[in-house]
Amino acid sequence: MTFRAGAGLPTMAFSAVRFTVGTTISRTDIPVLCAHLADLVRGRPGHLVLCDVAGLADPDVAAVEALARLRLTARRHGRRLVVTGAGPRLLLLIGLLGLTEVLPQVGGQSEQGEQAGGVEEVVDPRDPAV
């Protein structure tokens, strides 16, 4: 997979590896997932791992732990891991555990009325206090 920077940005091409997580993750699955990711990226060019978590049925702390360990595995192989397809519950857990900056997300699903991750509301000082 190849990505190019958007209009107005310097043209830069880089390749990414897509890594998909299954519907459930237990703590016993973590070493297997990390070994699979290491095998997938070993010897391949690129700097990015897109970790697709859209299929996670009921994310819990074990899933967040797995993502953190996958991030470490990616870093050991000179890659950056970005989470894609994160649903509201997983985003909440990542935030509650203080890992929002450690586990960046792209294209997360936001519930109606919620802002997507990484989007901040602009506050105008002239707005009346609520």
N, C-alpha and C. Protein backbone atom coordinates (compact mmCIF):
# COMPACT_ATOMS: atom_id res chain seq x y z
N MET A 1 0.85 -1.16 0.00
CA MET A 1 0.00 0.00 0.00
C MET A 1 0.90 1.23 0.00
N THR A 2 0.63 2.19 -0.84
CA THR A 2 1.43 3.41 -0.91
C THR A 2 0.55 4.62 -0.68
N PHE A 3 1.05 5.55 0.11
CA PHE A 3 0.33 6.78 0.40
C PHE A 3 1.14 7.95 -0.11
N ARG A 4 0.47 8.99 -0.51
CA ARG A 4 1.17 10.22 -0.91
C ARG A 4 0.57 11.37 -0.12
N ALA A 5 1.43 12.32 0.21
CA ALA A 5 0.98 13.48 0.97
C ALA A 5 -0.06 14.25 0.16
N GLY A 6 -0.96 14.94 0.85
CA GLY A 6 -2.05 15.67 0.20
C GLY A 6 -1.57 16.92 -0.51
N ALA A 7 -2.49 17.60 -1.17
CA ALA A 7 -2.18 18.82 -1.93
C ALA A 7 -1.57 19.87 -1.01
N GLY A 8 -0.60 20.58 -1.54
CA GLY A 8 0.03 21.63 -0.77
C GLY A 8 1.13 21.13 0.15
N LEU A 9 1.28 19.82 0.28
CA LEU A 9 2.33 19.25 1.11
C LEU A 9 3.41 18.68 0.22
N PRO A 10 4.63 18.58 0.73
CA PRO A 10 5.68 17.99 -0.09
C PRO A 10 5.30 16.57 -0.48
N THR A 11 5.64 16.17 -1.68
CA THR A 11 5.32 14.82 -2.13
C THR A 11 6.27 13.85 -1.45
N MET A 12 5.68 12.88 -0.76
CA MET A 12 6.46 11.89 -0.06
C MET A 12 5.71 10.57 -0.18
N ALA A 13 6.38 9.57 -0.67
CA ALA A 13 5.76 8.26 -0.78
C ALA A 13 6.34 7.35 0.30
N PHE A 14 5.48 6.57 0.92
CA PHE A 14 5.95 5.58 1.88
C PHE A 14 4.98 4.41 1.83
N SER A 15 5.47 3.27 2.24
CA SER A 15 4.61 2.10 2.20
C SER A 15 4.18 1.75 3.62
N ALA A 16 3.05 1.11 3.71
CA ALA A 16 2.51 0.71 5.00
C ALA A 16 2.12 -0.76 4.94
N VAL A 17 2.20 -1.39 6.08
CA VAL A 17 1.76 -2.77 6.23
C VAL A 17 0.44 -2.72 6.98
N ARG A 18 -0.55 -3.43 6.47
CA ARG A 18 -1.85 -3.51 7.15
C ARG A 18 -1.86 -4.76 8.01
N PHE A 19 -2.21 -4.58 9.29
CA PHE A 19 -2.27 -5.68 10.25
C PHE A 19 -3.66 -5.66 10.86
N THR A 20 -4.42 -6.71 10.68
CA THR A 20 -5.80 -6.76 11.16
C THR A 20 -5.90 -7.61 12.43
N VAL A 21 -6.56 -7.06 13.43
CA VAL A 21 -6.79 -7.76 14.69
C VAL A 21 -8.15 -8.44 14.61
N GLY A 22 -8.27 -9.61 15.19
CA GLY A 22 -9.52 -10.37 15.15
C GLY A 22 -10.63 -9.77 16.00
N THR A 23 -11.70 -10.52 16.18
CA THR A 23 -12.88 -10.02 16.89
C THR A 23 -12.70 -9.99 18.40
N THR A 24 -11.83 -10.85 18.93
CA THR A 24 -11.56 -10.85 20.37
C THR A 24 -10.05 -11.00 20.60
N ILE A 25 -9.60 -10.47 21.72
CA ILE A 25 -8.20 -10.60 22.10
C ILE A 25 -8.16 -10.92 23.59
N SER A 26 -7.44 -11.98 23.93
CA SER A 26 -7.19 -12.28 25.34
C SER A 26 -5.71 -12.04 25.61
N ARG A 27 -5.34 -11.99 26.86
CA ARG A 27 -3.93 -11.77 27.20
C ARG A 27 -3.04 -12.88 26.64
N THR A 28 -3.56 -14.08 26.55
CA THR A 28 -2.76 -15.18 26.01
C THR A 28 -2.51 -15.04 24.50
N ASP A 29 -3.33 -14.23 23.82
CA ASP A 29 -3.15 -13.99 22.39
C ASP A 29 -2.03 -12.99 22.09
N ILE A 30 -1.65 -12.19 23.06
CA ILE A 30 -0.74 -11.07 22.81
C ILE A 30 0.62 -11.52 22.26
N PRO A 31 1.29 -12.52 22.86
CA PRO A 31 2.59 -12.93 22.30
C PRO A 31 2.47 -13.45 20.86
N VAL A 32 1.39 -14.12 20.55
CA VAL A 32 1.18 -14.64 19.19
C VAL A 32 0.97 -13.49 18.22
N LEU A 33 0.17 -12.49 18.61
CA LEU A 33 -0.06 -11.33 17.76
C LEU A 33 1.26 -10.59 17.49
N CYS A 34 2.06 -10.40 18.53
CA CYS A 34 3.33 -9.69 18.38
C CYS A 34 4.28 -10.46 17.48
N ALA A 35 4.34 -11.78 17.63
CA ALA A 35 5.20 -12.59 16.78
C ALA A 35 4.73 -12.53 15.33
N HIS A 36 3.42 -12.54 15.13
CA HIS A 36 2.87 -12.46 13.77
C HIS A 36 3.23 -11.11 13.13
N LEU A 37 3.10 -10.02 13.89
CA LEU A 37 3.45 -8.70 13.36
C LEU A 37 4.94 -8.64 13.04
N ALA A 38 5.78 -9.16 13.93
CA ALA A 38 7.22 -9.15 13.69
C ALA A 38 7.55 -9.91 12.40
N ASP A 39 6.93 -11.07 12.20
CA ASP A 39 7.16 -11.84 10.97
C ASP A 39 6.68 -11.07 9.74
N LEU A 40 5.58 -10.35 9.88
CA LEU A 40 5.00 -9.62 8.76
C LEU A 40 5.89 -8.46 8.30
N VAL A 41 6.51 -7.75 9.24
CA VAL A 41 7.28 -6.57 8.86
C VAL A 41 8.76 -6.87 8.63
N ARG A 42 9.24 -7.97 9.14
CA ARG A 42 10.66 -8.30 9.03
C ARG A 42 11.09 -8.37 7.56
N GLY A 43 12.08 -7.56 7.22
CA GLY A 43 12.62 -7.57 5.87
C GLY A 43 11.81 -6.83 4.83
N ARG A 44 10.69 -6.25 5.21
CA ARG A 44 9.87 -5.48 4.26
C ARG A 44 10.15 -4.00 4.40
N PRO A 45 10.16 -3.27 3.29
CA PRO A 45 10.39 -1.83 3.38
C PRO A 45 9.17 -1.14 3.97
N GLY A 46 9.39 0.03 4.49
CA GLY A 46 8.28 0.83 4.99
C GLY A 46 8.51 1.31 6.41
N HIS A 47 7.65 2.22 6.82
CA HIS A 47 7.80 2.83 8.14
C HIS A 47 6.52 2.80 8.95
N LEU A 48 5.43 2.29 8.39
CA LEU A 48 4.14 2.41 9.04
C LEU A 48 3.41 1.07 9.09
N VAL A 49 2.77 0.81 10.23
CA VAL A 49 1.87 -0.33 10.38
C VAL A 49 0.49 0.24 10.66
N LEU A 50 -0.48 -0.08 9.80
CA LEU A 50 -1.86 0.30 10.02
C LEU A 50 -2.55 -0.87 10.70
N CYS A 51 -2.85 -0.73 11.97
CA CYS A 51 -3.46 -1.81 12.76
C CYS A 51 -4.97 -1.63 12.76
N ASP A 52 -5.65 -2.46 11.99
CA ASP A 52 -7.10 -2.37 11.83
C ASP A 52 -7.80 -3.11 12.96
N VAL A 53 -8.54 -2.37 13.79
CA VAL A 53 -9.25 -2.94 14.93
C VAL A 53 -10.76 -2.86 14.77
N ALA A 54 -11.23 -2.58 13.56
CA ALA A 54 -12.67 -2.41 13.32
C ALA A 54 -13.46 -3.67 13.67
N GLY A 55 -12.84 -4.82 13.61
CA GLY A 55 -13.53 -6.08 13.89
C GLY A 55 -13.63 -6.44 15.35
N LEU A 56 -13.00 -5.68 16.24
CA LEU A 56 -13.07 -5.99 17.68
C LEU A 56 -14.52 -5.87 18.16
N ALA A 57 -15.06 -6.98 18.62
CA ALA A 57 -16.47 -7.00 19.01
C ALA A 57 -16.73 -6.29 20.34
N ASP A 58 -15.93 -6.57 21.34
CA ASP A 58 -16.15 -6.02 22.67
C ASP A 58 -14.80 -5.70 23.30
N PRO A 59 -14.17 -4.59 22.87
CA PRO A 59 -12.82 -4.30 23.35
C PRO A 59 -12.76 -4.12 24.85
N ASP A 60 -11.66 -4.60 25.44
CA ASP A 60 -11.45 -4.46 26.87
C ASP A 60 -10.00 -4.08 27.12
N VAL A 61 -9.59 -4.12 28.38
CA VAL A 61 -8.23 -3.72 28.74
C VAL A 61 -7.20 -4.63 28.07
N ALA A 62 -7.51 -5.90 27.90
CA ALA A 62 -6.58 -6.81 27.22
C ALA A 62 -6.35 -6.37 25.78
N ALA A 63 -7.37 -5.86 25.12
CA ALA A 63 -7.21 -5.37 23.75
C ALA A 63 -6.29 -4.15 23.72
N VAL A 64 -6.46 -3.24 24.69
CA VAL A 64 -5.60 -2.06 24.75
C VAL A 64 -4.16 -2.49 25.06
N GLU A 65 -4.00 -3.45 25.96
CA GLU A 65 -2.66 -3.96 26.26
C GLU A 65 -2.03 -4.57 25.01
N ALA A 66 -2.81 -5.31 24.25
CA ALA A 66 -2.31 -5.90 23.00
C ALA A 66 -1.85 -4.82 22.04
N LEU A 67 -2.63 -3.75 21.90
CA LEU A 67 -2.25 -2.67 21.00
C LEU A 67 -0.96 -1.99 21.46
N ALA A 68 -0.81 -1.81 22.76
CA ALA A 68 0.42 -1.20 23.27
C ALA A 68 1.62 -2.10 22.99
N ARG A 69 1.45 -3.40 23.19
CA ARG A 69 2.54 -4.35 22.91
C ARG A 69 2.83 -4.44 21.42
N LEU A 70 1.79 -4.36 20.59
CA LEU A 70 2.00 -4.35 19.14
C LEU A 70 2.77 -3.09 18.72
N ARG A 71 2.48 -1.99 19.38
CA ARG A 71 3.21 -0.76 19.10
C ARG A 71 4.69 -0.93 19.41
N LEU A 72 5.00 -1.55 20.54
CA LEU A 72 6.39 -1.79 20.90
C LEU A 72 7.07 -2.71 19.88
N THR A 73 6.35 -3.72 19.44
CA THR A 73 6.89 -4.64 18.43
C THR A 73 7.19 -3.88 17.14
N ALA A 74 6.26 -3.03 16.73
CA ALA A 74 6.46 -2.25 15.51
C ALA A 74 7.70 -1.35 15.67
N ARG A 75 7.83 -0.70 16.81
CA ARG A 75 8.98 0.19 17.05
C ARG A 75 10.29 -0.58 17.01
N ARG A 76 10.30 -1.78 17.54
CA ARG A 76 11.52 -2.59 17.51
C ARG A 76 11.97 -2.90 16.09
N HIS A 77 11.03 -2.84 15.17
CA HIS A 77 11.32 -3.10 13.76
C HIS A 77 11.35 -1.82 12.94
N GLY A 78 11.49 -0.68 13.63
CA GLY A 78 11.62 0.59 12.94
C GLY A 78 10.34 1.11 12.31
N ARG A 79 9.21 0.68 12.84
CA ARG A 79 7.91 1.09 12.30
C ARG A 79 7.14 1.92 13.31
N ARG A 80 6.19 2.66 12.79
CA ARG A 80 5.23 3.41 13.61
C ARG A 80 3.88 2.72 13.46
N LEU A 81 3.21 2.44 14.56
CA LEU A 81 1.90 1.79 14.52
C LEU A 81 0.81 2.83 14.69
N VAL A 82 -0.17 2.79 13.79
CA VAL A 82 -1.33 3.67 13.86
C VAL A 82 -2.57 2.78 13.87
N VAL A 83 -3.46 3.05 14.81
CA VAL A 83 -4.70 2.28 14.96
C VAL A 83 -5.75 2.83 14.00
N THR A 84 -6.41 1.95 13.26
CA THR A 84 -7.50 2.36 12.36
C THR A 84 -8.77 1.60 12.74
N GLY A 85 -9.91 2.23 12.49
CA GLY A 85 -11.21 1.58 12.70
C GLY A 85 -11.63 1.44 14.15
N ALA A 86 -11.03 2.22 15.05
CA ALA A 86 -11.37 2.12 16.47
C ALA A 86 -12.77 2.66 16.72
N GLY A 87 -13.56 1.88 17.43
CA GLY A 87 -14.91 2.30 17.80
C GLY A 87 -14.89 3.12 19.08
N PRO A 88 -16.02 3.69 19.46
CA PRO A 88 -16.11 4.57 20.63
C PRO A 88 -15.64 3.92 21.93
N ARG A 89 -15.98 2.65 22.14
CA ARG A 89 -15.58 1.99 23.39
C ARG A 89 -14.07 1.84 23.48
N LEU A 90 -13.44 1.43 22.39
CA LEU A 90 -11.99 1.28 22.40
C LEU A 90 -11.31 2.63 22.59
N LEU A 91 -11.82 3.66 21.91
CA LEU A 91 -11.25 5.00 22.08
C LEU A 91 -11.38 5.47 23.52
N LEU A 92 -12.50 5.17 24.15
CA LEU A 92 -12.71 5.54 25.55
C LEU A 92 -11.70 4.83 26.44
N LEU A 93 -11.52 3.53 26.23
CA LEU A 93 -10.56 2.77 27.04
C LEU A 93 -9.14 3.29 26.85
N ILE A 94 -8.77 3.56 25.62
CA ILE A 94 -7.43 4.10 25.35
C ILE A 94 -7.25 5.42 26.08
N GLY A 95 -8.27 6.27 26.06
CA GLY A 95 -8.21 7.55 26.76
C GLY A 95 -8.15 7.39 28.27
N LEU A 96 -8.98 6.51 28.81
CA LEU A 96 -9.00 6.29 30.26
C LEU A 96 -7.67 5.75 30.77
N LEU A 97 -6.99 4.97 29.95
CA LEU A 97 -5.71 4.41 30.35
C LEU A 97 -4.54 5.35 30.04
N GLY A 98 -4.85 6.54 29.52
CA GLY A 98 -3.82 7.54 29.26
C GLY A 98 -2.91 7.21 28.09
N LEU A 99 -3.42 6.46 27.12
CA LEU A 99 -2.59 6.02 25.99
C LEU A 99 -2.97 6.67 24.67
N THR A 100 -3.71 7.76 24.71
CA THR A 100 -4.16 8.41 23.48
C THR A 100 -2.99 8.83 22.61
N GLU A 101 -1.95 9.39 23.21
CA GLU A 101 -0.79 9.83 22.42
C GLU A 101 0.09 8.65 22.02
N VAL A 102 0.08 7.59 22.80
CA VAL A 102 0.90 6.42 22.51
C VAL A 102 0.28 5.58 21.39
N LEU A 103 -1.04 5.55 21.33
CA LEU A 103 -1.75 4.76 20.33
C LEU A 103 -2.56 5.69 19.43
N PRO A 104 -1.91 6.39 18.51
CA PRO A 104 -2.64 7.31 17.64
C PRO A 104 -3.62 6.56 16.75
N GLN A 105 -4.74 7.21 16.44
CA GLN A 105 -5.75 6.58 15.60
C GLN A 105 -6.00 7.42 14.36
N VAL A 106 -6.40 6.71 13.32
CA VAL A 106 -6.80 7.34 12.07
C VAL A 106 -8.13 6.73 11.69
N GLY A 107 -9.09 7.54 11.31
CA GLY A 107 -10.36 7.01 10.81
C GLY A 107 -11.18 6.27 11.83
N GLY A 108 -11.09 6.66 13.09
CA GLY A 108 -11.91 6.03 14.11
C GLY A 108 -13.37 6.33 13.90
N GLN A 109 -14.22 5.47 14.40
CA GLN A 109 -15.65 5.68 14.28
C GLN A 109 -16.09 6.50 15.47
N SER A 110 -16.82 7.60 15.23
CA SER A 110 -17.31 8.39 16.35
C SER A 110 -18.82 8.24 16.43
N GLU A 111 -19.31 8.23 17.67
CA GLU A 111 -20.75 8.15 17.84
C GLU A 111 -21.38 9.47 17.42
N GLN A 112 -22.67 9.42 17.15
CA GLN A 112 -23.37 10.62 16.73
C GLN A 112 -23.21 11.70 17.79
N GLY A 113 -22.79 12.89 17.36
CA GLY A 113 -22.63 14.00 18.28
C GLY A 113 -21.26 14.07 18.90
N GLU A 114 -20.43 13.02 18.76
CA GLU A 114 -19.08 13.04 19.30
C GLU A 114 -18.11 13.44 18.23
N GLN A 115 -17.05 14.10 18.65
CA GLN A 115 -16.01 14.45 17.71
C GLN A 115 -15.09 13.25 17.52
N ALA A 116 -14.56 13.13 16.32
CA ALA A 116 -13.59 12.07 16.06
C ALA A 116 -12.32 12.37 16.82
N GLY A 117 -11.54 11.33 17.15
CA GLY A 117 -10.29 11.50 17.87
C GLY A 117 -9.36 12.44 17.15
N GLY A 118 -8.67 13.29 17.92
CA GLY A 118 -7.72 14.21 17.33
C GLY A 118 -8.34 15.50 16.85
N VAL A 119 -9.65 15.68 17.02
CA VAL A 119 -10.32 16.91 16.58
C VAL A 119 -10.69 17.69 17.83
N GLU A 120 -10.28 18.95 17.86
CA GLU A 120 -10.61 19.78 19.00
C GLU A 120 -11.56 20.89 18.57
N GLU A 121 -12.50 21.21 19.44
CA GLU A 121 -13.44 22.28 19.16
C GLU A 121 -12.73 23.62 19.36
N VAL A 122 -12.96 24.53 18.45
CA VAL A 122 -12.37 25.86 18.56
C VAL A 122 -13.29 26.70 19.45
N VAL A 123 -12.69 27.34 20.44
CA VAL A 123 -13.46 28.18 21.35
C VAL A 123 -13.16 29.63 21.02
N ASP A 124 -14.21 30.39 20.77
CA ASP A 124 -14.07 31.82 20.49
C ASP A 124 -14.29 32.56 21.80
N PRO A 125 -13.33 33.38 22.24
CA PRO A 125 -13.48 34.08 23.52
C PRO A 125 -14.70 34.99 23.57
N ARG A 126 -15.25 35.32 22.40
CA ARG A 126 -16.44 36.18 22.37
C ARG A 126 -17.72 35.40 22.60
N ASP A 127 -17.63 34.05 22.58
CA ASP A 127 -18.82 33.23 22.82
C ASP A 127 -19.27 33.39 24.26
N PRO A 128 -20.60 33.43 24.48
CA PRO A 128 -21.09 33.55 25.85
C PRO A 128 -20.79 32.26 26.64
N ALA A 129 -20.54 32.42 27.94
CA ALA A 129 -20.29 31.26 28.79
C ALA A 129 -21.57 30.42 28.92
N VAL A 130 -21.40 29.14 28.99
CA VAL A 130 -22.57 28.25 29.11
C VAL A 130 -22.69 27.74 30.51
